[in-house]
Amino acid sequence: MTLRSLLVHLTASSRCEPRLKLAADIARRNGARLTGLFAQIAAPHQVGLASEWPSRAYREAGETARATFAAATEGVDARFQDLNRGAEEDMVPQFVDYSRHFDLIVLGQRQPDNSLMPPDLNEQIIVQTGRPVLVTPYGGGFSGVGARPIFAWTDSRCCARAFGDALALLVPDAAALIVNLSKPGDEKAMAYRKQSLALAADHLATHGVSAQAEQIVLSDVGLMDALLNRAADHGADLLVMGAFGGFRYPLFARGSGSRYLLKHMTLPVLFSH
C-alpha cells in the first residue's frame, strides 16, 4: 500500500511532539499529506452551567497543539483539524469515524495517569476503523521506523494483513526479523509453523526485504514479554503485529496480548486488525 494520507493525534501533552515528529518523517518519506487531529478531554465544569464551548482552557490547549504541529511539519503538506469534542462519550465515536479516511493513523500510548484521552481510545481506533494504526510509546525516544522491523507471525488474518500494511513503512535494505512464539511440547504444530515462517520470509523477499525467520520456544516468560525482549535484542525500531484476533479463544481472552502491548510497549508498534 502506498501512503498518501496520514492522521496523527494531537494533544497539549509534551509527549505529543515525539509522535508528531515521527508522523512528519513518514509523511516526508512518502510524499504524503499529514493531518493533525487535536482531540483531548476537557476539564469538567465544577459549578453552574457551561456558558460557552469551547472553554478558554480547551482553546488554549488547541492553540498549543496547533503551534507544535506547525513547527514539526515544515515542508510537509499539512492540515490541522480540531475535533472540537471535549466529552469522552463524544470523542471516541467521532475520532473513529474521522480516522477511516486515512491510510495510516499515528497515536500515542496512553500514560496511566493521562486524563487527556479516553482509556479505550487506541483500542477502539484499532478495532473499529479498518486502518493500520502506529502507536508510539510514551517513554523513550525514536527517530524513525522501518530500518530494523520485527514481525510477529501467526497464521491469522490480521497477521497477514499486518505484513502488507507494514511494507510502506520499511526503508530500503531493512534488516527484518520474523518470529513465531510457540509453547514447548507440540512438535507437529512447531514443524508446521516452521514452514509457515519460511513462506512469510519468502513473501517479504518478493518485496525486496531480506528477513531472518526465528521460531522461539517459550519458557517461563509470557508471550508478549518474550516478543518485547526479542525486539530489544534485535535493536528493533518497529514491531508489526496482527491485533485483537484470537477467534478460536474464549471471549474474555480475545485481544489480551494486544491490550498488554498497548500498556507495556517499549517501541513503536504497528497494529493491524
C-alpha atoms as a PDB file:
ATOM      1  CA  MET A   1       0.000   0.000   0.000  1.00  0.00           C
ATOM      2  CA  THR A   2       1.216   3.479  -0.860  1.00  0.00           C
ATOM      3  CA  LEU A   3       0.839   6.040   1.909  1.00  0.00           C
ATOM      4  CA  ARG A   4      -0.708   9.259   0.664  1.00  0.00           C
ATOM      5  CA  SER A   5      -2.756  10.447   3.645  1.00  0.00           C
ATOM      6  CA  LEU A   6      -1.742  10.200   7.313  1.00  0.00           C
ATOM      7  CA  LEU A   7      -3.507  11.177  10.521  1.00  0.00           C
ATOM      8  CA  VAL A   8      -1.723  11.963  13.791  1.00  0.00           C
ATOM      9  CA  HIS A   9      -3.438  12.508  17.134  1.00  0.00           C
ATOM     10  CA  LEU A  10      -2.581  15.819  18.782  1.00  0.00           C
ATOM     11  CA  THR A  11      -2.944  16.873  22.405  1.00  0.00           C
ATOM     12  CA  ALA A  12      -1.355  19.588  24.505  1.00  0.00           C
ATOM     13  CA  SER A  13       0.794  16.942  26.254  1.00  0.00           C
ATOM     14  CA  SER A  14       4.583  17.178  25.973  1.00  0.00           C
ATOM     15  CA  ARG A  15       4.600  13.563  24.732  1.00  0.00           C
ATOM     16  CA  CYS A  16       2.702  14.633  21.627  1.00  0.00           C
ATOM     17  CA  GLU A  17       5.811  16.090  19.990  1.00  0.00           C
ATOM     18  CA  PRO A  18       7.792  12.804  19.523  1.00  0.00           C
ATOM     19  CA  ARG A  19       4.924  11.028  17.734  1.00  0.00           C
ATOM     20  CA  LEU A  20       4.243  14.147  15.683  1.00  0.00           C
ATOM     21  CA  LYS A  21       7.872  14.297  14.532  1.00  0.00           C
ATOM     22  CA  LEU A  22       7.720  10.606  13.633  1.00  0.00           C
ATOM     23  CA  ALA A  23       4.487  11.094  11.671  1.00  0.00           C
ATOM     24  CA  ALA A  24       6.019  14.062   9.849  1.00  0.00           C
ATOM     25  CA  ASP A  25       9.083  11.969   8.953  1.00  0.00           C
ATOM     26  CA  ILE A  26       6.874   9.223   7.498  1.00  0.00           C
ATOM     27  CA  ALA A  27       4.885  11.823   5.542  1.00  0.00           C
ATOM     28  CA  ARG A  28       8.070  13.332   4.088  1.00  0.00           C
ATOM     29  CA  ARG A  29       9.441   9.930   3.071  1.00  0.00           C
ATOM     30  CA  ASN A  30       6.231   9.059   1.253  1.00  0.00           C
ATOM     31  CA  GLY A  31       5.273  12.467  -0.121  1.00  0.00           C
ATOM     32  CA  ALA A  32       2.045  12.158   1.853  1.00  0.00           C
ATOM     33  CA  ARG A  33      -0.340  14.685   3.346  1.00  0.00           C
ATOM     34  CA  LEU A  34      -0.392  14.797   7.146  1.00  0.00           C
ATOM     35  CA  THR A  35      -3.467  15.824   9.103  1.00  0.00           C
ATOM     36  CA  GLY A  36      -3.096  16.656  12.781  1.00  0.00           C
ATOM     37  CA  LEU A  37      -6.292  15.983  14.720  1.00  0.00           C
ATOM     38  CA  PHE A  38      -6.500  17.807  18.046  1.00  0.00           C
ATOM     39  CA  ALA A  39      -8.651  15.862  20.477  1.00  0.00           C
ATOM     40  CA  GLN A  40      -8.483  15.747  24.240  1.00  0.00           C
ATOM     41  CA  ILE A  41     -10.870  15.546  27.153  1.00  0.00           C
ATOM     42  CA  ALA A  42     -11.858  18.929  28.526  1.00  0.00           C
ATOM     43  CA  ALA A  43     -11.899  19.627  32.250  1.00  0.00           C
ATOM     44  CA  PRO A  44     -15.432  19.335  33.645  1.00  0.00           C
ATOM     45  CA  HIS A  45     -17.232  22.419  34.961  1.00  0.00           C
ATOM     46  CA  GLN A  46     -17.405  22.262  38.720  1.00  0.00           C
ATOM     47  CA  VAL A  47     -20.363  24.552  39.292  1.00  0.00           C
ATOM     48  CA  GLY A  48     -23.110  26.179  37.277  1.00  0.00           C
ATOM     49  CA  LEU A  49     -23.802  25.643  33.596  1.00  0.00           C
ATOM     50  CA  ALA A  50     -21.356  25.651  30.706  1.00  0.00           C
ATOM     51  CA  SER A  51     -21.914  29.100  29.232  1.00  0.00           C
ATOM     52  CA  GLU A  52     -19.507  28.664  26.352  1.00  0.00           C
ATOM     53  CA  TRP A  53     -17.872  25.993  24.263  1.00  0.00           C
ATOM     54  CA  PRO A  54     -15.077  25.585  23.663  1.00  0.00           C
ATOM     55  CA  SER A  55     -13.847  26.714  27.028  1.00  0.00           C
ATOM     56  CA  ARG A  56     -10.870  29.017  27.386  1.00  0.00           C
ATOM     57  CA  ALA A  57      -8.654  26.200  28.641  1.00  0.00           C
ATOM     58  CA  TYR A  58      -9.626  23.991  25.703  1.00  0.00           C
ATOM     59  CA  ARG A  59      -8.929  26.790  23.203  1.00  0.00           C
ATOM     60  CA  GLU A  60      -5.526  27.467  24.722  1.00  0.00           C
ATOM     61  CA  ALA A  61      -4.646  23.768  24.597  1.00  0.00           C
ATOM     62  CA  GLY A  62      -5.709  23.677  20.966  1.00  0.00           C
ATOM     63  CA  GLU A  63      -3.507  26.634  20.104  1.00  0.00           C
ATOM     64  CA  THR A  64      -0.557  24.952  21.823  1.00  0.00           C
ATOM     65  CA  ALA A  65      -1.128  21.828  19.746  1.00  0.00           C
ATOM     66  CA  ARG A  66      -1.525  23.885  16.564  1.00  0.00           C
ATOM     67  CA  ALA A  67       1.806  25.668  17.158  1.00  0.00           C
ATOM     68  CA  THR A  68       3.606  22.375  17.860  1.00  0.00           C
ATOM     69  CA  PHE A  69       2.081  20.887  14.705  1.00  0.00           C
ATOM     70  CA  ALA A  70       3.157  23.834  12.551  1.00  0.00           C
ATOM     71  CA  ALA A  71       6.733  23.708  13.856  1.00  0.00           C
ATOM     72  CA  ALA A  72       7.079  19.967  13.206  1.00  0.00           C
ATOM     73  CA  THR A  73       5.570  19.898   9.706  1.00  0.00           C
ATOM     74  CA  GLU A  74       7.656  22.463   7.854  1.00  0.00           C
ATOM     75  CA  GLY A  75       7.920  21.360   4.236  1.00  0.00           C
ATOM     76  CA  VAL A  76       5.068  18.872   4.600  1.00  0.00           C
ATOM     77  CA  ASP A  77       1.592  19.097   3.089  1.00  0.00           C
ATOM     78  CA  ALA A  78      -0.036  19.526   6.499  1.00  0.00           C
ATOM     79  CA  ARG A  79      -3.523  20.300   7.775  1.00  0.00           C
ATOM     80  CA  PHE A  80      -4.687  20.986  11.329  1.00  0.00           C
ATOM     81  CA  GLN A  81      -8.138  19.872  12.444  1.00  0.00           C
ATOM     82  CA  ASP A  82      -9.876  20.331  15.795  1.00  0.00           C
ATOM     83  CA  LEU A  83     -12.281  17.526  16.645  1.00  0.00           C
ATOM     84  CA  ASN A  84     -13.996  20.031  18.969  1.00  0.00           C
ATOM     85  CA  ARG A  85     -15.286  17.366  21.343  1.00  0.00           C
ATOM     86  CA  GLY A  86     -14.351  17.613  24.999  1.00  0.00           C
ATOM     87  CA  ALA A  87     -16.532  14.823  26.386  1.00  0.00           C
ATOM     88  CA  GLU A  88     -15.213  11.258  26.326  1.00  0.00           C
ATOM     89  CA  GLU A  89     -18.519   9.776  25.126  1.00  0.00           C
ATOM     90  CA  ASP A  90     -18.493  12.096  22.099  1.00  0.00           C
ATOM     91  CA  MET A  91     -14.785  11.961  21.340  1.00  0.00           C
ATOM     92  CA  VAL A  92     -14.341   8.227  20.737  1.00  0.00           C
ATOM     93  CA  PRO A  93     -17.046   7.677  18.062  1.00  0.00           C
ATOM     94  CA  GLN A  94     -16.208  10.955  16.318  1.00  0.00           C
ATOM     95  CA  PHE A  95     -12.498  10.115  16.299  1.00  0.00           C
ATOM     96  CA  VAL A  96     -13.203   6.642  14.923  1.00  0.00           C
ATOM     97  CA  ASP A  97     -15.402   7.962  12.122  1.00  0.00           C
ATOM     98  CA  TYR A  98     -12.860  10.611  11.121  1.00  0.00           C
ATOM     99  CA  SER A  99      -9.952   8.141  11.162  1.00  0.00           C
ATOM    100  CA  ARG A 100     -11.473   5.891   8.498  1.00  0.00           C
ATOM    101  CA  HIS A 101     -10.488   8.390   5.794  1.00  0.00           C
ATOM    102  CA  PHE A 102      -6.691   7.938   6.082  1.00  0.00           C
ATOM    103  CA  ASP A 103      -4.075   5.389   5.008  1.00  0.00           C
ATOM    104  CA  LEU A 104      -2.318   5.307   8.380  1.00  0.00           C
ATOM    105  CA  ILE A 105      -3.199   6.557  11.858  1.00  0.00           C
ATOM    106  CA  VAL A 106      -0.448   7.567  14.305  1.00  0.00           C
ATOM    107  CA  LEU A 107      -1.356   7.538  18.001  1.00  0.00           C
ATOM    108  CA  GLY A 108       0.487   7.766  21.286  1.00  0.00           C
ATOM    109  CA  GLN A 109       0.420   5.235  24.101  1.00  0.00           C
ATOM    110  CA  ARG A 110      -1.833   6.373  26.898  1.00  0.00           C
ATOM    111  CA  GLN A 111       0.026   7.181  30.086  1.00  0.00           C
ATOM    112  CA  PRO A 112      -1.508   5.585  33.201  1.00  0.00           C
ATOM    113  CA  ASP A 113      -2.328   8.956  34.745  1.00  0.00           C
ATOM    114  CA  ASN A 114      -3.232  10.698  31.489  1.00  0.00           C
ATOM    115  CA  SER A 115      -6.716  12.186  31.712  1.00  0.00           C
ATOM    116  CA  LEU A 116      -6.453  13.893  28.311  1.00  0.00           C
ATOM    117  CA  MET A 117      -7.513  10.840  26.296  1.00  0.00           C
ATOM    118  CA  PRO A 118     -10.152   8.157  26.925  1.00  0.00           C
ATOM    119  CA  PRO A 119      -8.754   4.873  28.289  1.00  0.00           C
ATOM    120  CA  ASP A 120     -10.065   2.831  25.351  1.00  0.00           C
ATOM    121  CA  LEU A 121      -9.407   5.324  22.536  1.00  0.00           C
ATOM    122  CA  ASN A 122      -6.462   3.458  20.989  1.00  0.00           C
ATOM    123  CA  GLU A 123      -8.195   0.093  21.207  1.00  0.00           C
ATOM    124  CA  GLN A 124     -11.379   1.411  19.593  1.00  0.00           C
ATOM    125  CA  ILE A 125      -9.463   3.033  16.742  1.00  0.00           C
ATOM    126  CA  ILE A 126      -7.504  -0.171  16.076  1.00  0.00           C
ATOM    127  CA  VAL A 127     -10.611  -2.346  16.091  1.00  0.00           C
ATOM    128  CA  GLN A 128     -13.221  -0.061  14.536  1.00  0.00           C
ATOM    129  CA  THR A 129     -11.513   1.957  11.788  1.00  0.00           C
ATOM    130  CA  GLY A 130     -10.303  -0.748   9.409  1.00  0.00           C
ATOM    131  CA  ARG A 131      -6.982   1.120   9.120  1.00  0.00           C
ATOM    132  CA  PRO A 132      -3.436   0.270  10.255  1.00  0.00           C
ATOM    133  CA  VAL A 133      -2.528   2.088  13.468  1.00  0.00           C
ATOM    134  CA  LEU A 134       1.005   3.015  14.528  1.00  0.00           C
ATOM    135  CA  VAL A 135       1.244   3.580  18.291  1.00  0.00           C
ATOM    136  CA  THR A 136       4.322   5.182  19.823  1.00  0.00           C
ATOM    137  CA  PRO A 137       5.402   4.597  23.449  1.00  0.00           C
ATOM    138  CA  TYR A 138       5.125   7.439  25.942  1.00  0.00           C
ATOM    139  CA  GLY A 139       8.654   6.807  27.178  1.00  0.00           C
ATOM    140  CA  GLY A 140      11.957   6.971  25.342  1.00  0.00           C
ATOM    141  CA  GLY A 141      12.873   8.471  22.005  1.00  0.00           C
ATOM    142  CA  PHE A 142      12.690   7.225  18.419  1.00  0.00           C
ATOM    143  CA  SER A 143      13.952   9.000  15.328  1.00  0.00           C
ATOM    144  CA  GLY A 144      12.321   6.789  12.719  1.00  0.00           C
ATOM    145  CA  VAL A 145      10.813   3.403  11.968  1.00  0.00           C
ATOM    146  CA  GLY A 146      11.326   0.725   9.349  1.00  0.00           C
ATOM    147  CA  ALA A 147      15.104   0.145   9.364  1.00  0.00           C
ATOM    148  CA  ARG A 148      15.050  -2.788  11.817  1.00  0.00           C
ATOM    149  CA  PRO A 149      11.475  -4.124  11.943  1.00  0.00           C
ATOM    150  CA  ILE A 150      10.372  -7.231  13.801  1.00  0.00           C
ATOM    151  CA  PHE A 151       7.277  -9.082  12.582  1.00  0.00           C
ATOM    152  CA  ALA A 152       5.225 -11.213  14.962  1.00  0.00           C
ATOM    153  CA  TRP A 153       3.881 -14.029  12.804  1.00  0.00           C
ATOM    154  CA  THR A 154       0.978 -16.376  13.396  1.00  0.00           C
ATOM    155  CA  ASP A 155      -1.246 -17.998  10.795  1.00  0.00           C
ATOM    156  CA  SER A 156      -4.067 -15.494  11.125  1.00  0.00           C
ATOM    157  CA  ARG A 157      -5.930 -12.990   9.000  1.00  0.00           C
ATOM    158  CA  CYS A 158      -4.797  -9.980  10.993  1.00  0.00           C
ATOM    159  CA  CYS A 159      -1.118 -11.004  10.867  1.00  0.00           C
ATOM    160  CA  ALA A 160      -1.304 -11.475   7.109  1.00  0.00           C
ATOM    161  CA  ARG A 161      -2.784  -8.009   6.816  1.00  0.00           C
ATOM    162  CA  ALA A 162      -0.097  -6.539   9.095  1.00  0.00           C
ATOM    163  CA  PHE A 163       2.610  -7.756   6.707  1.00  0.00           C
ATOM    164  CA  GLY A 164       1.037  -5.822   3.847  1.00  0.00           C
ATOM    165  CA  ASP A 165       0.362  -2.731   5.943  1.00  0.00           C
ATOM    166  CA  ALA A 166       3.975  -2.561   7.144  1.00  0.00           C
ATOM    167  CA  LEU A 167       5.622  -2.580   3.717  1.00  0.00           C
ATOM    168  CA  ALA A 168       5.081   1.148   3.176  1.00  0.00           C
ATOM    169  CA  LEU A 169       6.929   1.888   6.451  1.00  0.00           C
ATOM    170  CA  LEU A 170      10.080  -0.078   5.651  1.00  0.00           C
ATOM    171  CA  VAL A 171      13.232   1.634   4.429  1.00  0.00           C
ATOM    172  CA  PRO A 172      15.396   0.167   1.626  1.00  0.00           C
ATOM    173  CA  ASP A 173      17.697  -2.625   2.853  1.00  0.00           C
ATOM    174  CA  ALA A 174      15.699  -3.019   6.068  1.00  0.00           C
ATOM    175  CA  ALA A 175      17.076  -5.676   8.428  1.00  0.00           C
ATOM    176  CA  ALA A 176      13.850  -7.548   9.191  1.00  0.00           C
ATOM    177  CA  LEU A 177      13.194 -10.320  11.665  1.00  0.00           C
ATOM    178  CA  ILE A 178      10.132 -12.594  11.677  1.00  0.00           C
ATOM    179  CA  VAL A 179       9.374 -14.503  14.851  1.00  0.00           C
ATOM    180  CA  ASN A 180       6.850 -17.098  15.860  1.00  0.00           C
ATOM    181  CA  LEU A 181       6.372 -17.892  19.528  1.00  0.00           C
ATOM    182  CA  SER A 182       5.484 -21.489  20.373  1.00  0.00           C
ATOM    183  CA  LYS A 183       4.827 -23.437  23.522  1.00  0.00           C
ATOM    184  CA  PRO A 184       7.081 -26.449  24.102  1.00  0.00           C
ATOM    185  CA  GLY A 185       5.885 -29.995  23.525  1.00  0.00           C
ATOM    186  CA  ASP A 186       3.800 -29.692  20.372  1.00  0.00           C
ATOM    187  CA  GLU A 187       6.312 -30.877  17.791  1.00  0.00           C
ATOM    188  CA  LYS A 188       3.766 -31.293  14.984  1.00  0.00           C
ATOM    189  CA  ALA A 189       2.483 -27.735  15.333  1.00  0.00           C
ATOM    190  CA  MET A 190       6.027 -26.381  15.554  1.00  0.00           C
ATOM    191  CA  ALA A 191       7.007 -28.168  12.328  1.00  0.00           C
ATOM    192  CA  TYR A 192       4.030 -26.613  10.545  1.00  0.00           C
ATOM    193  CA  ARG A 193       4.839 -23.158  11.872  1.00  0.00           C
ATOM    194  CA  LYS A 194       8.436 -23.500  10.707  1.00  0.00           C
ATOM    195  CA  GLN A 195       7.164 -23.985   7.152  1.00  0.00           C
ATOM    196  CA  SER A 196       4.800 -21.042   7.553  1.00  0.00           C
ATOM    197  CA  LEU A 197       7.675 -18.849   8.758  1.00  0.00           C
ATOM    198  CA  ALA A 198       9.664 -19.749   5.645  1.00  0.00           C
ATOM    199  CA  LEU A 199       6.715 -18.716   3.468  1.00  0.00           C
ATOM    200  CA  ALA A 200       6.416 -15.428   5.364  1.00  0.00           C
ATOM    201  CA  ALA A 201      10.105 -14.692   4.776  1.00  0.00           C
ATOM    202  CA  ASP A 202       9.705 -15.549   1.095  1.00  0.00           C
ATOM    203  CA  HIS A 203       6.749 -13.166   0.875  1.00  0.00           C
ATOM    204  CA  LEU A 204       8.867 -10.304   2.193  1.00  0.00           C
ATOM    205  CA  ALA A 205      11.665 -11.267  -0.202  1.00  0.00           C
ATOM    206  CA  THR A 206       9.351 -10.692  -3.176  1.00  0.00           C
ATOM    207  CA  HIS A 207       9.131  -7.088  -1.957  1.00  0.00           C
ATOM    208  CA  GLY A 208      12.896  -6.768  -1.721  1.00  0.00           C
ATOM    209  CA  VAL A 209      13.026  -7.235   2.052  1.00  0.00           C
ATOM    210  CA  SER A 210      15.566  -9.711   3.382  1.00  0.00           C
ATOM    211  CA  ALA A 211      14.254 -11.247   6.590  1.00  0.00           C
ATOM    212  CA  GLN A 212      15.581 -13.698   9.137  1.00  0.00           C
ATOM    213  CA  ALA A 213      12.977 -16.134  10.486  1.00  0.00           C
ATOM    214  CA  GLU A 214      13.026 -17.495  14.031  1.00  0.00           C
ATOM    215  CA  GLN A 215      10.865 -19.864  15.996  1.00  0.00           C
ATOM    216  CA  ILE A 216      11.080 -19.137  19.707  1.00  0.00           C
ATOM    217  CA  VAL A 217      10.003 -21.729  22.262  1.00  0.00           C
ATOM    218  CA  LEU A 218       8.580 -20.068  25.340  1.00  0.00           C
ATOM    219  CA  SER A 219       9.865 -20.832  28.809  1.00  0.00           C
ATOM    220  CA  ASP A 220       8.522 -19.062  31.884  1.00  0.00           C
ATOM    221  CA  VAL A 221       8.335 -15.688  30.138  1.00  0.00           C
ATOM    222  CA  GLY A 222       4.948 -14.553  28.890  1.00  0.00           C
ATOM    223  CA  LEU A 223       4.328 -14.399  25.156  1.00  0.00           C
ATOM    224  CA  MET A 224       4.274 -10.603  24.834  1.00  0.00           C
ATOM    225  CA  ASP A 225       7.232 -10.119  27.166  1.00  0.00           C
ATOM    226  CA  ALA A 226       9.211 -12.643  25.104  1.00  0.00           C
ATOM    227  CA  LEU A 227       8.326 -10.686  21.975  1.00  0.00           C
ATOM    228  CA  LEU A 228       9.440  -7.393  23.524  1.00  0.00           C
ATOM    229  CA  ASN A 229      12.663  -8.999  24.755  1.00  0.00           C
ATOM    230  CA  ARG A 230      13.448 -10.287  21.260  1.00  0.00           C
ATOM    231  CA  ALA A 231      12.664  -6.862  19.806  1.00  0.00           C
ATOM    232  CA  ALA A 232      15.186  -5.323  22.210  1.00  0.00           C
ATOM    233  CA  ASP A 233      17.819  -7.911  21.290  1.00  0.00           C
ATOM    234  CA  HIS A 234      17.259  -7.152  17.595  1.00  0.00           C
ATOM    235  CA  GLY A 235      17.524  -3.407  18.187  1.00  0.00           C
ATOM    236  CA  ALA A 236      14.124  -3.132  16.536  1.00  0.00           C
ATOM    237  CA  ASP A 237      12.637   0.244  15.706  1.00  0.00           C
ATOM    238  CA  LEU A 238       9.222  -1.169  14.768  1.00  0.00           C
ATOM    239  CA  LEU A 239       7.097  -4.107  15.914  1.00  0.00           C
ATOM    240  CA  VAL A 240       4.494  -5.328  13.416  1.00  0.00           C
ATOM    241  CA  MET A 241       1.637  -7.476  14.636  1.00  0.00           C
ATOM    242  CA  GLY A 242      -1.920  -8.518  13.976  1.00  0.00           C
ATOM    243  CA  ALA A 243      -4.171  -7.130  16.696  1.00  0.00           C
ATOM    244  CA  PHE A 244      -7.273  -8.298  18.526  1.00  0.00           C
ATOM    245  CA  GLY A 245      -7.534 -11.612  16.702  1.00  0.00           C
ATOM    246  CA  GLY A 246      -7.849 -14.919  18.533  1.00  0.00           C
ATOM    247  CA  PHE A 247     -11.222 -16.006  17.157  1.00  0.00           C
ATOM    248  CA  ARG A 248     -10.610 -19.511  18.498  1.00  0.00           C
ATOM    249  CA  TYR A 249     -10.202 -18.217  22.047  1.00  0.00           C
ATOM    250  CA  PRO A 250     -12.894 -17.514  24.624  1.00  0.00           C
ATOM    251  CA  LEU A 251     -14.330 -14.013  24.531  1.00  0.00           C
ATOM    252  CA  PHE A 252     -12.501 -12.879  27.677  1.00  0.00           C
ATOM    253  CA  ALA A 253      -9.110 -13.812  26.137  1.00  0.00           C
ATOM    254  CA  ARG A 254      -9.533 -12.143  22.767  1.00  0.00           C
ATOM    255  CA  GLY A 255      -7.135  -9.264  22.348  1.00  0.00           C
ATOM    256  CA  SER A 256      -5.430  -9.818  25.703  1.00  0.00           C
ATOM    257  CA  GLY A 257      -1.991  -9.733  24.083  1.00  0.00           C
ATOM    258  CA  SER A 258      -2.833  -6.565  22.153  1.00  0.00           C
ATOM    259  CA  ARG A 259      -4.069  -4.843  25.308  1.00  0.00           C
ATOM    260  CA  TYR A 260      -0.921  -5.917  27.140  1.00  0.00           C
ATOM    261  CA  LEU A 261       1.263  -4.369  24.445  1.00  0.00           C
ATOM    262  CA  LEU A 262      -0.750  -1.154  24.474  1.00  0.00           C
ATOM    263  CA  LYS A 263       0.168  -0.846  28.164  1.00  0.00           C
ATOM    264  CA  HIS A 264       3.744  -2.154  28.110  1.00  0.00           C
ATOM    265  CA  MET A 265       5.183  -1.316  24.674  1.00  0.00           C
ATOM    266  CA  THR A 266       8.811  -0.223  24.543  1.00  0.00           C
ATOM    267  CA  LEU A 267       8.998   0.649  20.825  1.00  0.00           C
ATOM    268  CA  PRO A 268       6.580   1.839  18.122  1.00  0.00           C
ATOM    269  CA  VAL A 269       4.045  -0.859  17.263  1.00  0.00           C
ATOM    270  CA  LEU A 270       2.023  -1.198  14.062  1.00  0.00           C
ATOM    271  CA  PHE A 271      -1.329  -2.799  14.888  1.00  0.00           C
ATOM    272  CA  SER A 272      -3.462  -4.261  12.078  1.00  0.00           C
ATOM    273  CA  HIS A 273      -6.865  -5.753  12.829  1.00  0.00           C
END
